[in-house]
């Protein structure tokens, strides 16, 4: 065999060896284009660093959208289509009225997230008070959720794996063959204006549990706060809601509450691979789930976004079948 042929075979072998250890887990793009998307860091919060939010902002931009931070000065233009609230820790004062007026334009999306109560660092009042002001029926619970088995190496890196069976839940989890990782999450609970509502077992109008943690998940009142929003920690039972949707009838708009900032790149939540590789052979459907929400609710001209290889190439061991754990709640 000629030296040139031997060289070609050697290079080909190296290439095949490389791709055998790196394979595209799934394809998921932001397809909405021409939209204005605001990320509020004016009210501070968790996972708001550029390293955490720049990846999703970059994907929005690649798809032809205008994504930006509300930072030193509060301003929410009526043209904004979606508002992301990442564990806001400062009270919404005059901004409450701005957000309500913005919602009244219709077809808006609020995508809000929080964090666990571990160490007592999280203040749930700013976001829960805002939710009360706009008349929402769902709130952030003041607890910590852990998953002993379905996790990425540690129980507090909990995987949300139980998919709802409502029409909207089926739409938002389409093509997801496993759950996604949350890093130190809380849970979502209902509120009727007087007391909490256990939305695991009680239906509320226009509210749908999209994804929950498993029946083996545990809920803890880590900060010993003893408020009504500690409810899950007092009754147990698993299946704590991880992501919940509410149709805001008054505004013809949409609300997503997530138990963690799943659209953030913090600990690779908005990604195809987990940080530790311990759950589902390292594959998480966090990016697909968030993109499904974005593509379904943000109303603007649609178009195909460029494929983003930076988030799609996932190393796995070998070329075996991807192990998945997905349960549909009955």
C-alpha atoms as a PDB file:
ATOM      1  CA  UNK A   1       0.000   0.000   0.000  1.00  0.00           C
ATOM      2  CA  UNK A   2       1.320   3.429  -0.945  1.00  0.00           C
ATOM      3  CA  UNK A   3       2.333   5.892   1.775  1.00  0.00           C
ATOM      4  CA  UNK A   4      -0.344   8.361   0.598  1.00  0.00           C
ATOM      5  CA  UNK A   5      -3.001   5.661   0.922  1.00  0.00           C
ATOM      6  CA  UNK A   6      -1.739   4.684   4.364  1.00  0.00           C
ATOM      7  CA  UNK A   7      -1.893   8.319   5.420  1.00  0.00           C
ATOM      8  CA  UNK A   8      -5.452   8.658   4.192  1.00  0.00           C
ATOM      9  CA  UNK A   9      -6.519   5.507   6.060  1.00  0.00           C
ATOM     10  CA  UNK A  10      -4.835   6.757   9.235  1.00  0.00           C
ATOM     11  CA  UNK A  11      -6.587  10.147   9.055  1.00  0.00           C
ATOM     12  CA  UNK A  12      -9.919   8.458   8.316  1.00  0.00           C
ATOM     13  CA  UNK A  13      -9.462   6.173  11.319  1.00  0.00           C
ATOM     14  CA  UNK A  14      -8.791   9.152  13.577  1.00  0.00           C
ATOM     15  CA  UNK A  15     -11.881  10.916  12.234  1.00  0.00           C
ATOM     16  CA  UNK A  16     -14.122   7.890  12.772  1.00  0.00           C
ATOM     17  CA  UNK A  17     -12.718   7.450  16.260  1.00  0.00           C
ATOM     18  CA  UNK A  18     -13.490  11.065  17.079  1.00  0.00           C
ATOM     19  CA  UNK A  19     -17.080  11.013  15.854  1.00  0.00           C
ATOM     20  CA  UNK A  20     -17.703   7.711  17.615  1.00  0.00           C
ATOM     21  CA  UNK A  21     -17.287   9.589  20.895  1.00  0.00           C
ATOM     22  CA  UNK A  22     -19.245  12.671  19.850  1.00  0.00           C
ATOM     23  CA  UNK A  23     -22.732  12.387  18.414  1.00  0.00           C
ATOM     24  CA  UNK A  24     -25.593  14.798  17.960  1.00  0.00           C
ATOM     25  CA  UNK A  25     -28.171  13.910  20.619  1.00  0.00           C
ATOM     26  CA  UNK A  26     -31.012  15.890  19.065  1.00  0.00           C
ATOM     27  CA  UNK A  27     -31.720  18.923  16.940  1.00  0.00           C
ATOM     28  CA  UNK A  28     -33.612  21.840  18.468  1.00  0.00           C
ATOM     29  CA  UNK A  29     -33.644  25.422  17.273  1.00  0.00           C
ATOM     30  CA  UNK A  30     -35.381  28.654  18.130  1.00  0.00           C
ATOM     31  CA  UNK A  31     -37.615  29.154  15.108  1.00  0.00           C
ATOM     32  CA  UNK A  32     -39.410  32.362  16.056  1.00  0.00           C
ATOM     33  CA  UNK A  33     -37.871  35.445  14.458  1.00  0.00           C
ATOM     34  CA  UNK A  34     -38.496  39.171  14.531  1.00  0.00           C
ATOM     35  CA  UNK A  35     -39.399  39.182  18.242  1.00  0.00           C
ATOM     36  CA  UNK A  36     -38.214  41.434  21.072  1.00  0.00           C
ATOM     37  CA  UNK A  37     -37.193  39.522  24.213  1.00  0.00           C
ATOM     38  CA  UNK A  38     -36.203  41.183  27.489  1.00  0.00           C
ATOM     39  CA  UNK A  39     -34.219  39.618  30.340  1.00  0.00           C
ATOM     40  CA  UNK A  40     -34.785  41.515  33.590  1.00  0.00           C
ATOM     41  CA  UNK A  41     -31.655  41.759  35.704  1.00  0.00           C
ATOM     42  CA  UNK A  42     -32.686  45.178  37.050  1.00  0.00           C
ATOM     43  CA  UNK A  43     -34.272  43.262  39.943  1.00  0.00           C
ATOM     44  CA  UNK A  44     -31.111  41.204  40.361  1.00  0.00           C
ATOM     45  CA  UNK A  45     -31.590  37.500  41.056  1.00  0.00           C
ATOM     46  CA  UNK A  46     -29.830  34.195  40.512  1.00  0.00           C
ATOM     47  CA  UNK A  47     -28.076  32.935  37.372  1.00  0.00           C
ATOM     48  CA  UNK A  48     -28.118  36.355  35.727  1.00  0.00           C
ATOM     49  CA  UNK A  49     -24.417  36.513  34.888  1.00  0.00           C
ATOM     50  CA  UNK A  50     -23.476  36.930  31.238  1.00  0.00           C
ATOM     51  CA  UNK A  51     -22.036  33.401  31.186  1.00  0.00           C
ATOM     52  CA  UNK A  52     -25.452  32.081  32.231  1.00  0.00           C
ATOM     53  CA  UNK A  53     -27.724  34.059  29.909  1.00  0.00           C
ATOM     54  CA  UNK A  54     -25.548  34.881  26.906  1.00  0.00           C
ATOM     55  CA  UNK A  55     -26.032  31.405  25.331  1.00  0.00           C
ATOM     56  CA  UNK A  56     -29.814  31.743  25.041  1.00  0.00           C
ATOM     57  CA  UNK A  57     -29.523  35.394  24.058  1.00  0.00           C
ATOM     58  CA  UNK A  58     -27.071  34.316  21.359  1.00  0.00           C
ATOM     59  CA  UNK A  59     -29.536  31.717  20.073  1.00  0.00           C
ATOM     60  CA  UNK A  60     -32.304  34.325  19.989  1.00  0.00           C
ATOM     61  CA  UNK A  61     -30.030  36.661  18.043  1.00  0.00           C
ATOM     62  CA  UNK A  62     -28.968  33.974  15.554  1.00  0.00           C
ATOM     63  CA  UNK A  63     -32.646  33.308  14.856  1.00  0.00           C
ATOM     64  CA  UNK A  64     -33.191  36.957  13.956  1.00  0.00           C
ATOM     65  CA  UNK A  65     -34.629  38.309  17.203  1.00  0.00           C
ATOM     66  CA  UNK A  66     -33.736  41.277  19.379  1.00  0.00           C
ATOM     67  CA  UNK A  67     -32.833  39.913  22.817  1.00  0.00           C
ATOM     68  CA  UNK A  68     -31.490  42.255  25.470  1.00  0.00           C
ATOM     69  CA  UNK A  69     -31.049  42.949  29.196  1.00  0.00           C
ATOM     70  CA  UNK A  70     -33.104  45.357  31.285  1.00  0.00           C
ATOM     71  CA  UNK A  71     -30.286  46.411  33.537  1.00  0.00           C
ATOM     72  CA  UNK A  72     -29.417  49.759  35.116  1.00  0.00           C
ATOM     73  CA  UNK A  73     -32.621  51.491  34.038  1.00  0.00           C
ATOM     74  CA  UNK A  74     -36.055  49.890  34.123  1.00  0.00           C
ATOM     75  CA  UNK A  75     -37.916  50.178  30.844  1.00  0.00           C
ATOM     76  CA  UNK A  76     -40.404  47.700  29.409  1.00  0.00           C
ATOM     77  CA  UNK A  77     -41.447  48.762  25.935  1.00  0.00           C
ATOM     78  CA  UNK A  78     -44.882  47.755  24.673  1.00  0.00           C
ATOM     79  CA  UNK A  79     -43.187  46.105  21.697  1.00  0.00           C
ATOM     80  CA  UNK A  80     -41.473  43.477  23.886  1.00  0.00           C
ATOM     81  CA  UNK A  81     -42.957  40.042  23.198  1.00  0.00           C
ATOM     82  CA  UNK A  82     -41.485  38.071  26.130  1.00  0.00           C
ATOM     83  CA  UNK A  83     -40.123  38.949  29.563  1.00  0.00           C
ATOM     84  CA  UNK A  84     -37.743  36.594  31.397  1.00  0.00           C
ATOM     85  CA  UNK A  85     -37.558  36.995  35.187  1.00  0.00           C
ATOM     86  CA  UNK A  86     -34.663  35.081  36.718  1.00  0.00           C
ATOM     87  CA  UNK A  87     -35.143  34.638  40.466  1.00  0.00           C
ATOM     88  CA  UNK A  88     -35.735  38.365  41.005  1.00  0.00           C
ATOM     89  CA  UNK A  89     -34.623  39.400  44.498  1.00  0.00           C
ATOM     90  CA  UNK A  90     -35.652  43.065  44.542  1.00  0.00           C
ATOM     91  CA  UNK A  91     -39.259  44.109  44.980  1.00  0.00           C
ATOM     92  CA  UNK A  92     -41.272  45.225  41.964  1.00  0.00           C
ATOM     93  CA  UNK A  93     -42.690  48.575  43.055  1.00  0.00           C
ATOM     94  CA  UNK A  94     -43.732  50.926  40.250  1.00  0.00           C
ATOM     95  CA  UNK A  95     -42.644  48.195  37.819  1.00  0.00           C
ATOM     96  CA  UNK A  96     -45.695  46.104  38.758  1.00  0.00           C
ATOM     97  CA  UNK A  97     -47.994  48.577  37.039  1.00  0.00           C
ATOM     98  CA  UNK A  98     -45.687  48.679  34.001  1.00  0.00           C
ATOM     99  CA  UNK A  99     -45.793  44.891  33.659  1.00  0.00           C
ATOM    100  CA  UNK A 100     -49.562  44.793  34.022  1.00  0.00           C
ATOM    101  CA  UNK A 101     -50.021  47.489  31.383  1.00  0.00           C
ATOM    102  CA  UNK A 102     -47.587  45.630  29.114  1.00  0.00           C
ATOM    103  CA  UNK A 103     -49.589  42.401  29.524  1.00  0.00           C
ATOM    104  CA  UNK A 104     -52.782  44.193  28.557  1.00  0.00           C
ATOM    105  CA  UNK A 105     -51.475  44.516  24.990  1.00  0.00           C
ATOM    106  CA  UNK A 106     -52.089  40.759  24.676  1.00  0.00           C
ATOM    107  CA  UNK A 107     -50.132  37.775  23.375  1.00  0.00           C
ATOM    108  CA  UNK A 108     -47.231  38.334  25.792  1.00  0.00           C
ATOM    109  CA  UNK A 109     -45.135  35.708  27.587  1.00  0.00           C
ATOM    110  CA  UNK A 110     -43.709  35.915  31.091  1.00  0.00           C
ATOM    111  CA  UNK A 111     -41.164  33.161  31.725  1.00  0.00           C
ATOM    112  CA  UNK A 112     -40.203  33.359  35.399  1.00  0.00           C
ATOM    113  CA  UNK A 113     -37.958  31.113  37.465  1.00  0.00           C
ATOM    114  CA  UNK A 114     -36.785  30.842  41.052  1.00  0.00           C
ATOM    115  CA  UNK A 115     -34.466  28.753  43.223  1.00  0.00           C
ATOM    116  CA  UNK A 116     -34.487  26.454  46.237  1.00  0.00           C
ATOM    117  CA  UNK A 117     -34.742  27.802  49.789  1.00  0.00           C
ATOM    118  CA  UNK A 118     -31.404  26.211  50.696  1.00  0.00           C
ATOM    119  CA  UNK A 119     -29.597  28.351  53.279  1.00  0.00           C
ATOM    120  CA  UNK A 120     -32.441  30.855  53.373  1.00  0.00           C
ATOM    121  CA  UNK A 121     -30.864  32.955  50.628  1.00  0.00           C
ATOM    122  CA  UNK A 122     -33.869  33.067  48.296  1.00  0.00           C
ATOM    123  CA  UNK A 123     -36.533  35.713  48.829  1.00  0.00           C
ATOM    124  CA  UNK A 124     -39.748  34.523  47.167  1.00  0.00           C
ATOM    125  CA  UNK A 125     -41.719  37.672  47.965  1.00  0.00           C
ATOM    126  CA  UNK A 126     -40.682  39.842  44.968  1.00  0.00           C
ATOM    127  CA  UNK A 127     -41.910  37.389  42.336  1.00  0.00           C
ATOM    128  CA  UNK A 128     -44.848  36.025  44.330  1.00  0.00           C
ATOM    129  CA  UNK A 129     -46.046  39.568  45.050  1.00  0.00           C
ATOM    130  CA  UNK A 130     -45.810  40.382  41.344  1.00  0.00           C
ATOM    131  CA  UNK A 131     -47.793  37.240  40.505  1.00  0.00           C
ATOM    132  CA  UNK A 132     -50.434  38.323  43.016  1.00  0.00           C
ATOM    133  CA  UNK A 133     -50.580  41.809  41.501  1.00  0.00           C
ATOM    134  CA  UNK A 134     -51.232  40.549  37.972  1.00  0.00           C
ATOM    135  CA  UNK A 135     -53.857  38.090  39.232  1.00  0.00           C
ATOM    136  CA  UNK A 136     -52.003  34.833  38.546  1.00  0.00           C
ATOM    137  CA  UNK A 137     -53.101  31.641  40.319  1.00  0.00           C
ATOM    138  CA  UNK A 138     -49.675  30.034  40.683  1.00  0.00           C
ATOM    139  CA  UNK A 139     -46.747  30.807  42.968  1.00  0.00           C
ATOM    140  CA  UNK A 140     -43.234  29.681  43.834  1.00  0.00           C
ATOM    141  CA  UNK A 141     -43.140  27.318  46.819  1.00  0.00           C
ATOM    142  CA  UNK A 142     -40.533  28.157  49.477  1.00  0.00           C
ATOM    143  CA  UNK A 143     -38.927  24.708  49.574  1.00  0.00           C
ATOM    144  CA  UNK A 144     -36.030  22.660  48.212  1.00  0.00           C
ATOM    145  CA  UNK A 145     -36.665  19.650  45.984  1.00  0.00           C
ATOM    146  CA  UNK A 146     -34.248  16.738  45.782  1.00  0.00           C
ATOM    147  CA  UNK A 147     -34.230  13.602  43.643  1.00  0.00           C
ATOM    148  CA  UNK A 148     -32.231  10.717  45.165  1.00  0.00           C
ATOM    149  CA  UNK A 149     -31.980   8.634  41.980  1.00  0.00           C
ATOM    150  CA  UNK A 150     -32.998  10.732  38.969  1.00  0.00           C
ATOM    151  CA  UNK A 151     -30.288  13.331  39.268  1.00  0.00           C
ATOM    152  CA  UNK A 152     -26.962  14.440  37.863  1.00  0.00           C
ATOM    153  CA  UNK A 153     -24.644  12.983  40.509  1.00  0.00           C
ATOM    154  CA  UNK A 154     -26.223  14.802  43.497  1.00  0.00           C
ATOM    155  CA  UNK A 155     -29.826  14.816  44.728  1.00  0.00           C
ATOM    156  CA  UNK A 156     -30.080  18.605  44.455  1.00  0.00           C
ATOM    157  CA  UNK A 157     -29.213  18.352  40.737  1.00  0.00           C
ATOM    158  CA  UNK A 158     -32.718  17.006  40.262  1.00  0.00           C
ATOM    159  CA  UNK A 159     -34.112  15.726  36.979  1.00  0.00           C
ATOM    160  CA  UNK A 160     -37.698  16.690  36.133  1.00  0.00           C
ATOM    161  CA  UNK A 161     -39.017  13.568  34.406  1.00  0.00           C
ATOM    162  CA  UNK A 162     -42.795  13.259  34.792  1.00  0.00           C
ATOM    163  CA  UNK A 163     -44.593  14.826  31.833  1.00  0.00           C
ATOM    164  CA  UNK A 164     -48.186  16.024  32.090  1.00  0.00           C
ATOM    165  CA  UNK A 165     -50.844  14.668  29.730  1.00  0.00           C
ATOM    166  CA  UNK A 166     -52.781  17.857  28.976  1.00  0.00           C
ATOM    167  CA  UNK A 167     -52.786  19.145  25.423  1.00  0.00           C
ATOM    168  CA  UNK A 168     -50.378  21.956  26.235  1.00  0.00           C
ATOM    169  CA  UNK A 169     -48.070  19.599  28.170  1.00  0.00           C
ATOM    170  CA  UNK A 170     -47.946  17.195  25.220  1.00  0.00           C
ATOM    171  CA  UNK A 171     -47.134  20.095  22.899  1.00  0.00           C
ATOM    172  CA  UNK A 172     -44.336  21.507  25.039  1.00  0.00           C
ATOM    173  CA  UNK A 173     -42.695  18.103  25.641  1.00  0.00           C
ATOM    174  CA  UNK A 174     -42.940  16.926  22.038  1.00  0.00           C
ATOM    175  CA  UNK A 175     -39.918  14.882  20.892  1.00  0.00           C
ATOM    176  CA  UNK A 176     -38.485  14.778  24.422  1.00  0.00           C
ATOM    177  CA  UNK A 177     -37.413  11.238  25.279  1.00  0.00           C
ATOM    178  CA  UNK A 178     -36.102  12.038  28.754  1.00  0.00           C
ATOM    179  CA  UNK A 179     -36.302  14.788  31.331  1.00  0.00           C
ATOM    180  CA  UNK A 180     -34.011  17.700  32.090  1.00  0.00           C
ATOM    181  CA  UNK A 181     -31.756  18.733  34.942  1.00  0.00           C
ATOM    182  CA  UNK A 182     -32.493  21.507  37.418  1.00  0.00           C
ATOM    183  CA  UNK A 183     -29.835  22.678  39.851  1.00  0.00           C
ATOM    184  CA  UNK A 184     -31.208  23.332  43.344  1.00  0.00           C
ATOM    185  CA  UNK A 185     -34.891  23.782  42.445  1.00  0.00           C
ATOM    186  CA  UNK A 186     -38.007  24.735  44.342  1.00  0.00           C
ATOM    187  CA  UNK A 187     -41.496  23.742  43.075  1.00  0.00           C
ATOM    188  CA  UNK A 188     -44.647  25.474  41.856  1.00  0.00           C
ATOM    189  CA  UNK A 189     -47.876  25.622  43.866  1.00  0.00           C
ATOM    190  CA  UNK A 190     -51.360  27.070  43.397  1.00  0.00           C
ATOM    191  CA  UNK A 191     -52.916  29.929  45.359  1.00  0.00           C
ATOM    192  CA  UNK A 192     -56.600  30.882  45.562  1.00  0.00           C
ATOM    193  CA  UNK A 193     -56.152  34.285  47.180  1.00  0.00           C
ATOM    194  CA  UNK A 194     -56.393  32.900  50.697  1.00  0.00           C
ATOM    195  CA  UNK A 195     -54.547  29.610  50.860  1.00  0.00           C
ATOM    196  CA  UNK A 196     -52.314  27.357  48.805  1.00  0.00           C
ATOM    197  CA  UNK A 197     -53.788  24.854  46.355  1.00  0.00           C
ATOM    198  CA  UNK A 198     -52.122  21.500  45.776  1.00  0.00           C
ATOM    199  CA  UNK A 199     -52.073  21.483  41.981  1.00  0.00           C
ATOM    200  CA  UNK A 200     -50.834  17.902  41.983  1.00  0.00           C
ATOM    201  CA  UNK A 201     -54.358  16.786  42.841  1.00  0.00           C
ATOM    202  CA  UNK A 202     -56.595  19.846  42.460  1.00  0.00           C
ATOM    203  CA  UNK A 203     -57.373  21.385  39.074  1.00  0.00           C
ATOM    204  CA  UNK A 204     -57.325  25.147  38.679  1.00  0.00           C
ATOM    205  CA  UNK A 205     -58.878  26.851  35.658  1.00  0.00           C
ATOM    206  CA  UNK A 206     -56.334  27.672  32.941  1.00  0.00           C
ATOM    207  CA  UNK A 207     -53.468  26.073  34.892  1.00  0.00           C
ATOM    208  CA  UNK A 208     -51.534  23.056  33.579  1.00  0.00           C
ATOM    209  CA  UNK A 209     -48.660  21.191  35.208  1.00  0.00           C
ATOM    210  CA  UNK A 210     -46.238  20.596  32.338  1.00  0.00           C
ATOM    211  CA  UNK A 211     -43.438  18.638  34.036  1.00  0.00           C
ATOM    212  CA  UNK A 212     -43.015  17.327  37.591  1.00  0.00           C
ATOM    213  CA  UNK A 213     -40.376  15.593  39.649  1.00  0.00           C
ATOM    214  CA  UNK A 214     -40.891  11.879  40.329  1.00  0.00           C
ATOM    215  CA  UNK A 215     -42.868  10.235  43.102  1.00  0.00           C
ATOM    216  CA  UNK A 216     -39.560   9.574  44.890  1.00  0.00           C
ATOM    217  CA  UNK A 217     -38.621  13.248  45.047  1.00  0.00           C
ATOM    218  CA  UNK A 218     -38.449  14.867  48.460  1.00  0.00           C
ATOM    219  CA  UNK A 219     -39.488  18.376  49.484  1.00  0.00           C
ATOM    220  CA  UNK A 220     -37.720  20.097  52.366  1.00  0.00           C
ATOM    221  CA  UNK A 221     -38.209  23.361  54.188  1.00  0.00           C
ATOM    222  CA  UNK A 222     -34.494  24.043  54.285  1.00  0.00           C
ATOM    223  CA  UNK A 223     -34.767  27.568  55.675  1.00  0.00           C
ATOM    224  CA  UNK A 224     -37.371  26.582  58.312  1.00  0.00           C
ATOM    225  CA  UNK A 225     -39.552  29.478  57.203  1.00  0.00           C
ATOM    226  CA  UNK A 226     -42.927  27.989  58.262  1.00  0.00           C
ATOM    227  CA  UNK A 227     -45.073  29.839  55.734  1.00  0.00           C
ATOM    228  CA  UNK A 228     -48.065  28.548  53.779  1.00  0.00           C
ATOM    229  CA  UNK A 229     -45.776  28.167  50.770  1.00  0.00           C
ATOM    230  CA  UNK A 230     -43.836  25.443  52.636  1.00  0.00           C
ATOM    231  CA  UNK A 231     -46.873  23.204  52.090  1.00  0.00           C
ATOM    232  CA  UNK A 232     -45.189  20.471  50.019  1.00  0.00           C
ATOM    233  CA  UNK A 233     -42.553  19.978  52.707  1.00  0.00           C
ATOM    234  CA  UNK A 234     -45.278  19.303  55.283  1.00  0.00           C
ATOM    235  CA  UNK A 235     -47.329  16.784  53.289  1.00  0.00           C
ATOM    236  CA  UNK A 236     -44.773  14.994  51.091  1.00  0.00           C
ATOM    237  CA  UNK A 237     -45.987  12.701  48.333  1.00  0.00           C
ATOM    238  CA  UNK A 238     -43.575  13.449  45.485  1.00  0.00           C
ATOM    239  CA  UNK A 239     -44.618  14.611  42.014  1.00  0.00           C
ATOM    240  CA  UNK A 240     -43.769  18.216  42.913  1.00  0.00           C
ATOM    241  CA  UNK A 241     -44.507  20.480  39.917  1.00  0.00           C
ATOM    242  CA  UNK A 242     -41.306  21.606  38.218  1.00  0.00           C
ATOM    243  CA  UNK A 243     -42.774  23.742  35.412  1.00  0.00           C
ATOM    244  CA  UNK A 244     -46.342  25.040  35.293  1.00  0.00           C
ATOM    245  CA  UNK A 245     -48.254  27.006  32.655  1.00  0.00           C
ATOM    246  CA  UNK A 246     -51.099  29.445  33.229  1.00  0.00           C
ATOM    247  CA  UNK A 247     -53.154  31.148  30.566  1.00  0.00           C
ATOM    248  CA  UNK A 248     -53.725  34.695  31.797  1.00  0.00           C
ATOM    249  CA  UNK A 249     -57.277  35.161  30.579  1.00  0.00           C
ATOM    250  CA  UNK A 250     -57.538  38.824  31.540  1.00  0.00           C
ATOM    251  CA  UNK A 251     -54.617  39.684  29.283  1.00  0.00           C
ATOM    252  CA  UNK A 252     -54.807  36.971  26.609  1.00  0.00           C
ATOM    253  CA  UNK A 253     -51.201  36.252  27.585  1.00  0.00           C
ATOM    254  CA  UNK A 254     -49.119  33.394  28.942  1.00  0.00           C
ATOM    255  CA  UNK A 255     -47.212  32.609  32.118  1.00  0.00           C
ATOM    256  CA  UNK A 256     -44.576  29.926  32.626  1.00  0.00           C
ATOM    257  CA  UNK A 257     -43.192  29.345  36.118  1.00  0.00           C
ATOM    258  CA  UNK A 258     -40.099  27.159  36.366  1.00  0.00           C
ATOM    259  CA  UNK A 259     -38.673  25.799  39.604  1.00  0.00           C
ATOM    260  CA  UNK A 260     -35.177  26.741  38.414  1.00  0.00           C
ATOM    261  CA  UNK A 261     -33.689  28.971  35.728  1.00  0.00           C
ATOM    262  CA  UNK A 262     -33.829  26.250  33.093  1.00  0.00           C
ATOM    263  CA  UNK A 263     -33.202  28.758  30.288  1.00  0.00           C
ATOM    264  CA  UNK A 264     -29.880  29.611  31.933  1.00  0.00           C
ATOM    265  CA  UNK A 265     -26.582  27.953  31.020  1.00  0.00           C
ATOM    266  CA  UNK A 266     -25.776  27.723  34.739  1.00  0.00           C
ATOM    267  CA  UNK A 267     -24.671  24.133  35.399  1.00  0.00           C
ATOM    268  CA  UNK A 268     -25.596  23.492  31.765  1.00  0.00           C
ATOM    269  CA  UNK A 269     -29.371  23.543  32.349  1.00  0.00           C
ATOM    270  CA  UNK A 270     -29.981  25.092  28.909  1.00  0.00           C
ATOM    271  CA  UNK A 271     -27.977  22.478  27.071  1.00  0.00           C
ATOM    272  CA  UNK A 272     -28.036  18.999  25.574  1.00  0.00           C
ATOM    273  CA  UNK A 273     -25.590  17.501  28.033  1.00  0.00           C
ATOM    274  CA  UNK A 274     -25.514  17.464  31.808  1.00  0.00           C
ATOM    275  CA  UNK A 275     -22.634  18.846  33.818  1.00  0.00           C
ATOM    276  CA  UNK A 276     -21.691  15.555  35.481  1.00  0.00           C
ATOM    277  CA  UNK A 277     -22.910  13.045  32.895  1.00  0.00           C
ATOM    278  CA  UNK A 278     -24.714  10.992  35.534  1.00  0.00           C
ATOM    279  CA  UNK A 279     -28.319  11.344  34.321  1.00  0.00           C
ATOM    280  CA  UNK A 280     -29.539   9.643  31.149  1.00  0.00           C
ATOM    281  CA  UNK A 281     -25.971   8.936  30.004  1.00  0.00           C
ATOM    282  CA  UNK A 282     -25.262  12.633  30.068  1.00  0.00           C
ATOM    283  CA  UNK A 283     -28.120  13.795  27.853  1.00  0.00           C
ATOM    284  CA  UNK A 284     -30.631  16.348  29.094  1.00  0.00           C
ATOM    285  CA  UNK A 285     -33.587  17.767  27.194  1.00  0.00           C
ATOM    286  CA  UNK A 286     -33.358  21.178  28.845  1.00  0.00           C
ATOM    287  CA  UNK A 287     -32.565  23.095  25.677  1.00  0.00           C
ATOM    288  CA  UNK A 288     -35.286  21.378  23.664  1.00  0.00           C
ATOM    289  CA  UNK A 289     -37.889  22.005  26.354  1.00  0.00           C
ATOM    290  CA  UNK A 290     -37.067  25.698  26.662  1.00  0.00           C
ATOM    291  CA  UNK A 291     -37.007  26.088  22.876  1.00  0.00           C
ATOM    292  CA  UNK A 292     -40.396  24.357  22.640  1.00  0.00           C
ATOM    293  CA  UNK A 293     -41.832  26.918  25.071  1.00  0.00           C
ATOM    294  CA  UNK A 294     -40.280  29.823  23.173  1.00  0.00           C
ATOM    295  CA  UNK A 295     -41.434  28.605  19.773  1.00  0.00           C
ATOM    296  CA  UNK A 296     -44.968  27.936  20.961  1.00  0.00           C
ATOM    297  CA  UNK A 297     -45.714  31.108  22.918  1.00  0.00           C
ATOM    298  CA  UNK A 298     -43.676  33.939  21.449  1.00  0.00           C
ATOM    299  CA  UNK A 299     -45.731  35.393  18.621  1.00  0.00           C
ATOM    300  CA  UNK A 300     -43.699  36.887  15.822  1.00  0.00           C
ATOM    301  CA  UNK A 301     -42.808  36.022  12.232  1.00  0.00           C
ATOM    302  CA  UNK A 302     -41.547  32.443  12.051  1.00  0.00           C
ATOM    303  CA  UNK A 303     -38.426  31.351  10.255  1.00  0.00           C
ATOM    304  CA  UNK A 304     -35.815  28.644  10.489  1.00  0.00           C
ATOM    305  CA  UNK A 305     -32.988  29.527  12.841  1.00  0.00           C
ATOM    306  CA  UNK A 306     -29.450  28.502  11.921  1.00  0.00           C
ATOM    307  CA  UNK A 307     -28.368  25.254  13.505  1.00  0.00           C
ATOM    308  CA  UNK A 308     -26.181  25.937  16.535  1.00  0.00           C
ATOM    309  CA  UNK A 309     -23.531  23.244  16.775  1.00  0.00           C
ATOM    310  CA  UNK A 310     -22.138  24.667  20.003  1.00  0.00           C
ATOM    311  CA  UNK A 311     -25.125  23.343  21.896  1.00  0.00           C
ATOM    312  CA  UNK A 312     -25.942  20.240  19.889  1.00  0.00           C
ATOM    313  CA  UNK A 313     -22.838  18.078  19.889  1.00  0.00           C
ATOM    314  CA  UNK A 314     -22.946  15.886  22.953  1.00  0.00           C
ATOM    315  CA  UNK A 315     -20.211  13.458  23.948  1.00  0.00           C
ATOM    316  CA  UNK A 316     -21.459  10.060  25.049  1.00  0.00           C
ATOM    317  CA  UNK A 317     -19.657   6.831  25.694  1.00  0.00           C
ATOM    318  CA  UNK A 318     -19.809   4.654  22.602  1.00  0.00           C
ATOM    319  CA  UNK A 319     -22.750   4.509  20.217  1.00  0.00           C
ATOM    320  CA  UNK A 320     -25.195   2.608  22.426  1.00  0.00           C
ATOM    321  CA  UNK A 321     -28.881   3.332  22.711  1.00  0.00           C
ATOM    322  CA  UNK A 322     -29.624   6.414  24.803  1.00  0.00           C
ATOM    323  CA  UNK A 323     -31.169   5.389  28.109  1.00  0.00           C
ATOM    324  CA  UNK A 324     -34.293   7.430  28.820  1.00  0.00           C
ATOM    325  CA  UNK A 325     -36.633   7.835  31.747  1.00  0.00           C
ATOM    326  CA  UNK A 326     -39.923   9.542  30.954  1.00  0.00           C
ATOM    327  CA  UNK A 327     -43.212   9.014  32.724  1.00  0.00           C
ATOM    328  CA  UNK A 328     -46.558  10.435  31.745  1.00  0.00           C
ATOM    329  CA  UNK A 329     -48.646  11.388  34.703  1.00  0.00           C
ATOM    330  CA  UNK A 330     -52.076   9.758  34.599  1.00  0.00           C
END
